[in-house]
Amino acid sequence: MNTMIKEIVRKISGIKVYEERSVTDEYVEIVFFNKDIDIWNKILVDVFGPPKKAVGIKPDKEDLALTKNCGGIWDNQPLFKKDVDGEVMIAMFWPWQDEEHTTLKMSVLKRL
């Protein structure tokens, strides 16, 4: 498993999740409760650093290219990115319309 994914999975192991959809070497998709969003955000900032694209900012061409295979990125989503060991790791939140849940998607990509 990618070392960054391992680190994040280790950090989130004590946080209650709504649904664990996928946890593989190269892709993670977890649904969590919005009441815990500050905890999730802190974990991602600790691992990735500040978001490449913050909530409320229109995604640029690079953001769209990075997230193309994960469903894209919208203005209301943060995008985290980090280059590690010749790979690009991204993470983003997908807020649900019910305002109670958010999906976290993380993916290991080949360099663009």
C-alpha atoms as a PDB file:
ATOM      1  CA  MET A   1       0.000   0.000   0.000  1.00  0.00           C
ATOM      2  CA  ASN A   2       1.216   3.510  -0.815  1.00  0.00           C
ATOM      3  CA  THR A   3       2.913   4.977   2.281  1.00  0.00           C
ATOM      4  CA  MET A   4       0.755   8.138   2.251  1.00  0.00           C
ATOM      5  CA  ILE A   5      -2.423   6.089   2.019  1.00  0.00           C
ATOM      6  CA  LYS A   6      -1.154   3.893   4.876  1.00  0.00           C
ATOM      7  CA  GLU A   7      -0.464   6.990   6.987  1.00  0.00           C
ATOM      8  CA  ILE A   8      -3.908   8.458   6.348  1.00  0.00           C
ATOM      9  CA  VAL A   9      -5.696   5.150   6.947  1.00  0.00           C
ATOM     10  CA  ARG A  10      -3.768   4.805  10.224  1.00  0.00           C
ATOM     11  CA  LYS A  11      -4.754   8.343  11.301  1.00  0.00           C
ATOM     12  CA  ILE A  12      -8.426   7.815  10.504  1.00  0.00           C
ATOM     13  CA  SER A  13      -8.707   4.405  12.129  1.00  0.00           C
ATOM     14  CA  GLY A  14     -10.299   5.849  15.285  1.00  0.00           C
ATOM     15  CA  ILE A  15     -12.852   8.059  13.519  1.00  0.00           C
ATOM     16  CA  LYS A  16     -16.343   6.740  12.883  1.00  0.00           C
ATOM     17  CA  VAL A  17     -17.180   6.434   9.191  1.00  0.00           C
ATOM     18  CA  TYR A  18     -20.574   6.059   7.561  1.00  0.00           C
ATOM     19  CA  GLU A  19     -19.346   3.818   4.755  1.00  0.00           C
ATOM     20  CA  GLU A  20     -15.994   2.437   3.630  1.00  0.00           C
ATOM     21  CA  ARG A  21     -16.419   1.996  -0.115  1.00  0.00           C
ATOM     22  CA  SER A  22     -12.854   1.218  -1.160  1.00  0.00           C
ATOM     23  CA  VAL A  23      -9.420   1.054   0.450  1.00  0.00           C
ATOM     24  CA  THR A  24      -6.761  -0.225  -1.950  1.00  0.00           C
ATOM     25  CA  ASP A  25      -3.105   0.481  -2.677  1.00  0.00           C
ATOM     26  CA  GLU A  26      -4.022   3.258  -5.102  1.00  0.00           C
ATOM     27  CA  TYR A  27      -7.541   4.434  -4.252  1.00  0.00           C
ATOM     28  CA  VAL A  28      -9.534   5.224  -1.121  1.00  0.00           C
ATOM     29  CA  GLU A  29     -13.190   6.203  -0.956  1.00  0.00           C
ATOM     30  CA  ILE A  30     -14.769   6.715   2.459  1.00  0.00           C
ATOM     31  CA  VAL A  31     -18.008   8.437   3.473  1.00  0.00           C
ATOM     32  CA  PHE A  32     -17.863  10.296   6.776  1.00  0.00           C
ATOM     33  CA  PHE A  33     -20.158  12.467   8.879  1.00  0.00           C
ATOM     34  CA  ASN A  34     -19.946  16.237   8.385  1.00  0.00           C
ATOM     35  CA  LYS A  35     -19.823  16.765  12.153  1.00  0.00           C
ATOM     36  CA  ASP A  36     -16.252  15.410  11.893  1.00  0.00           C
ATOM     37  CA  ILE A  37     -15.144  17.472   8.879  1.00  0.00           C
ATOM     38  CA  ASP A  38     -12.656  19.550  10.906  1.00  0.00           C
ATOM     39  CA  ILE A  39     -10.900  16.344  12.024  1.00  0.00           C
ATOM     40  CA  TRP A  40     -10.762  15.028   8.432  1.00  0.00           C
ATOM     41  CA  ASN A  41      -9.496  18.370   7.141  1.00  0.00           C
ATOM     42  CA  LYS A  42      -6.742  18.474   9.782  1.00  0.00           C
ATOM     43  CA  ILE A  43      -5.593  14.969   8.841  1.00  0.00           C
ATOM     44  CA  LEU A  44      -5.352  15.892   5.161  1.00  0.00           C
ATOM     45  CA  VAL A  45      -3.547  19.177   5.902  1.00  0.00           C
ATOM     46  CA  ASP A  46      -1.109  17.283   8.173  1.00  0.00           C
ATOM     47  CA  VAL A  47      -0.317  14.818   5.367  1.00  0.00           C
ATOM     48  CA  PHE A  48      -0.666  16.944   2.205  1.00  0.00           C
ATOM     49  CA  GLY A  49      -0.126  20.483   3.443  1.00  0.00           C
ATOM     50  CA  PRO A  50      -2.633  23.223   2.559  1.00  0.00           C
ATOM     51  CA  PRO A  51      -5.150  22.485  -0.216  1.00  0.00           C
ATOM     52  CA  LYS A  52      -4.006  23.061  -3.780  1.00  0.00           C
ATOM     53  CA  LYS A  53      -7.522  24.347  -4.437  1.00  0.00           C
ATOM     54  CA  ALA A  54      -9.611  25.661  -1.554  1.00  0.00           C
ATOM     55  CA  VAL A  55     -13.397  25.565  -1.237  1.00  0.00           C
ATOM     56  CA  GLY A  56     -14.949  28.450  -3.167  1.00  0.00           C
ATOM     57  CA  ILE A  57     -12.134  28.655  -5.728  1.00  0.00           C
ATOM     58  CA  LYS A  58     -12.820  27.761  -9.344  1.00  0.00           C
ATOM     59  CA  PRO A  59     -10.705  24.767 -10.454  1.00  0.00           C
ATOM     60  CA  ASP A  60      -8.009  25.487 -13.037  1.00  0.00           C
ATOM     61  CA  LYS A  61      -6.988  23.237 -15.949  1.00  0.00           C
ATOM     62  CA  GLU A  62      -4.484  21.295 -13.835  1.00  0.00           C
ATOM     63  CA  ASP A  63      -7.121  20.658 -11.131  1.00  0.00           C
ATOM     64  CA  LEU A  64      -9.535  19.347 -13.763  1.00  0.00           C
ATOM     65  CA  ALA A  65      -6.857  17.129 -15.332  1.00  0.00           C
ATOM     66  CA  LEU A  66      -5.780  15.716 -11.943  1.00  0.00           C
ATOM     67  CA  THR A  67      -9.341  14.823 -10.954  1.00  0.00           C
ATOM     68  CA  LYS A  68     -10.681  13.720 -14.338  1.00  0.00           C
ATOM     69  CA  ASN A  69     -10.664   9.995 -13.518  1.00  0.00           C
ATOM     70  CA  CYS A  70     -12.140  10.561 -10.038  1.00  0.00           C
ATOM     71  CA  GLY A  71     -15.225  12.469 -11.149  1.00  0.00           C
ATOM     72  CA  GLY A  72     -13.754  15.949 -11.555  1.00  0.00           C
ATOM     73  CA  ILE A  73     -13.683  18.816  -9.080  1.00  0.00           C
ATOM     74  CA  TRP A  74     -16.166  21.609  -8.331  1.00  0.00           C
ATOM     75  CA  ASP A  75     -15.921  25.033  -6.719  1.00  0.00           C
ATOM     76  CA  ASN A  76     -17.331  23.691  -3.418  1.00  0.00           C
ATOM     77  CA  GLN A  77     -14.628  21.020  -3.021  1.00  0.00           C
ATOM     78  CA  PRO A  78     -11.083  21.297  -1.679  1.00  0.00           C
ATOM     79  CA  LEU A  79      -8.334  19.524  -3.607  1.00  0.00           C
ATOM     80  CA  PHE A  80      -5.167  18.330  -1.917  1.00  0.00           C
ATOM     81  CA  LYS A  81      -2.116  17.299  -3.941  1.00  0.00           C
ATOM     82  CA  LYS A  82       1.331  16.010  -3.057  1.00  0.00           C
ATOM     83  CA  ASP A  83       4.203  14.629  -5.134  1.00  0.00           C
ATOM     84  CA  VAL A  84       5.685  11.545  -3.458  1.00  0.00           C
ATOM     85  CA  ASP A  85       8.219   9.029  -4.736  1.00  0.00           C
ATOM     86  CA  GLY A  86       7.589   9.775  -8.421  1.00  0.00           C
ATOM     87  CA  GLU A  87       3.812   9.678  -8.029  1.00  0.00           C
ATOM     88  CA  VAL A  88       1.111  12.270  -7.526  1.00  0.00           C
ATOM     89  CA  MET A  89      -1.322  11.768  -4.665  1.00  0.00           C
ATOM     90  CA  ILE A  90      -4.614  13.674  -4.597  1.00  0.00           C
ATOM     91  CA  ALA A  91      -7.469  13.871  -2.112  1.00  0.00           C
ATOM     92  CA  MET A  92     -10.771  15.702  -2.259  1.00  0.00           C
ATOM     93  CA  PHE A  93     -14.026  16.007  -0.363  1.00  0.00           C
ATOM     94  CA  TRP A  94     -17.357  15.420  -2.105  1.00  0.00           C
ATOM     95  CA  PRO A  95     -20.070  17.004   0.065  1.00  0.00           C
ATOM     96  CA  TRP A  96     -23.477  15.351  -0.140  1.00  0.00           C
ATOM     97  CA  GLN A  97     -26.667  17.322  -0.722  1.00  0.00           C
ATOM     98  CA  ASP A  98     -28.077  15.995   2.581  1.00  0.00           C
ATOM     99  CA  GLU A  99     -25.479  18.198   4.364  1.00  0.00           C
ATOM    100  CA  GLU A 100     -24.807  15.312   6.785  1.00  0.00           C
ATOM    101  CA  HIS A 101     -22.235  13.290   4.829  1.00  0.00           C
ATOM    102  CA  THR A 102     -19.116  13.856   2.734  1.00  0.00           C
ATOM    103  CA  THR A 103     -17.179  11.417   0.596  1.00  0.00           C
ATOM    104  CA  LEU A 104     -13.386  11.480   0.798  1.00  0.00           C
ATOM    105  CA  LYS A 105     -11.692  10.322  -2.390  1.00  0.00           C
ATOM    106  CA  MET A 106      -7.921   9.760  -2.508  1.00  0.00           C
ATOM    107  CA  SER A 107      -5.989   8.477  -5.477  1.00  0.00           C
ATOM    108  CA  VAL A 108      -2.408   7.755  -6.464  1.00  0.00           C
ATOM    109  CA  LEU A 109      -1.769   8.988 -10.004  1.00  0.00           C
ATOM    110  CA  LYS A 110       1.039   8.738 -12.473  1.00  0.00           C
ATOM    111  CA  ARG A 111       2.829  12.034 -13.042  1.00  0.00           C
ATOM    112  CA  LEU A 112       1.042  14.225 -15.587  1.00  0.00           C
END
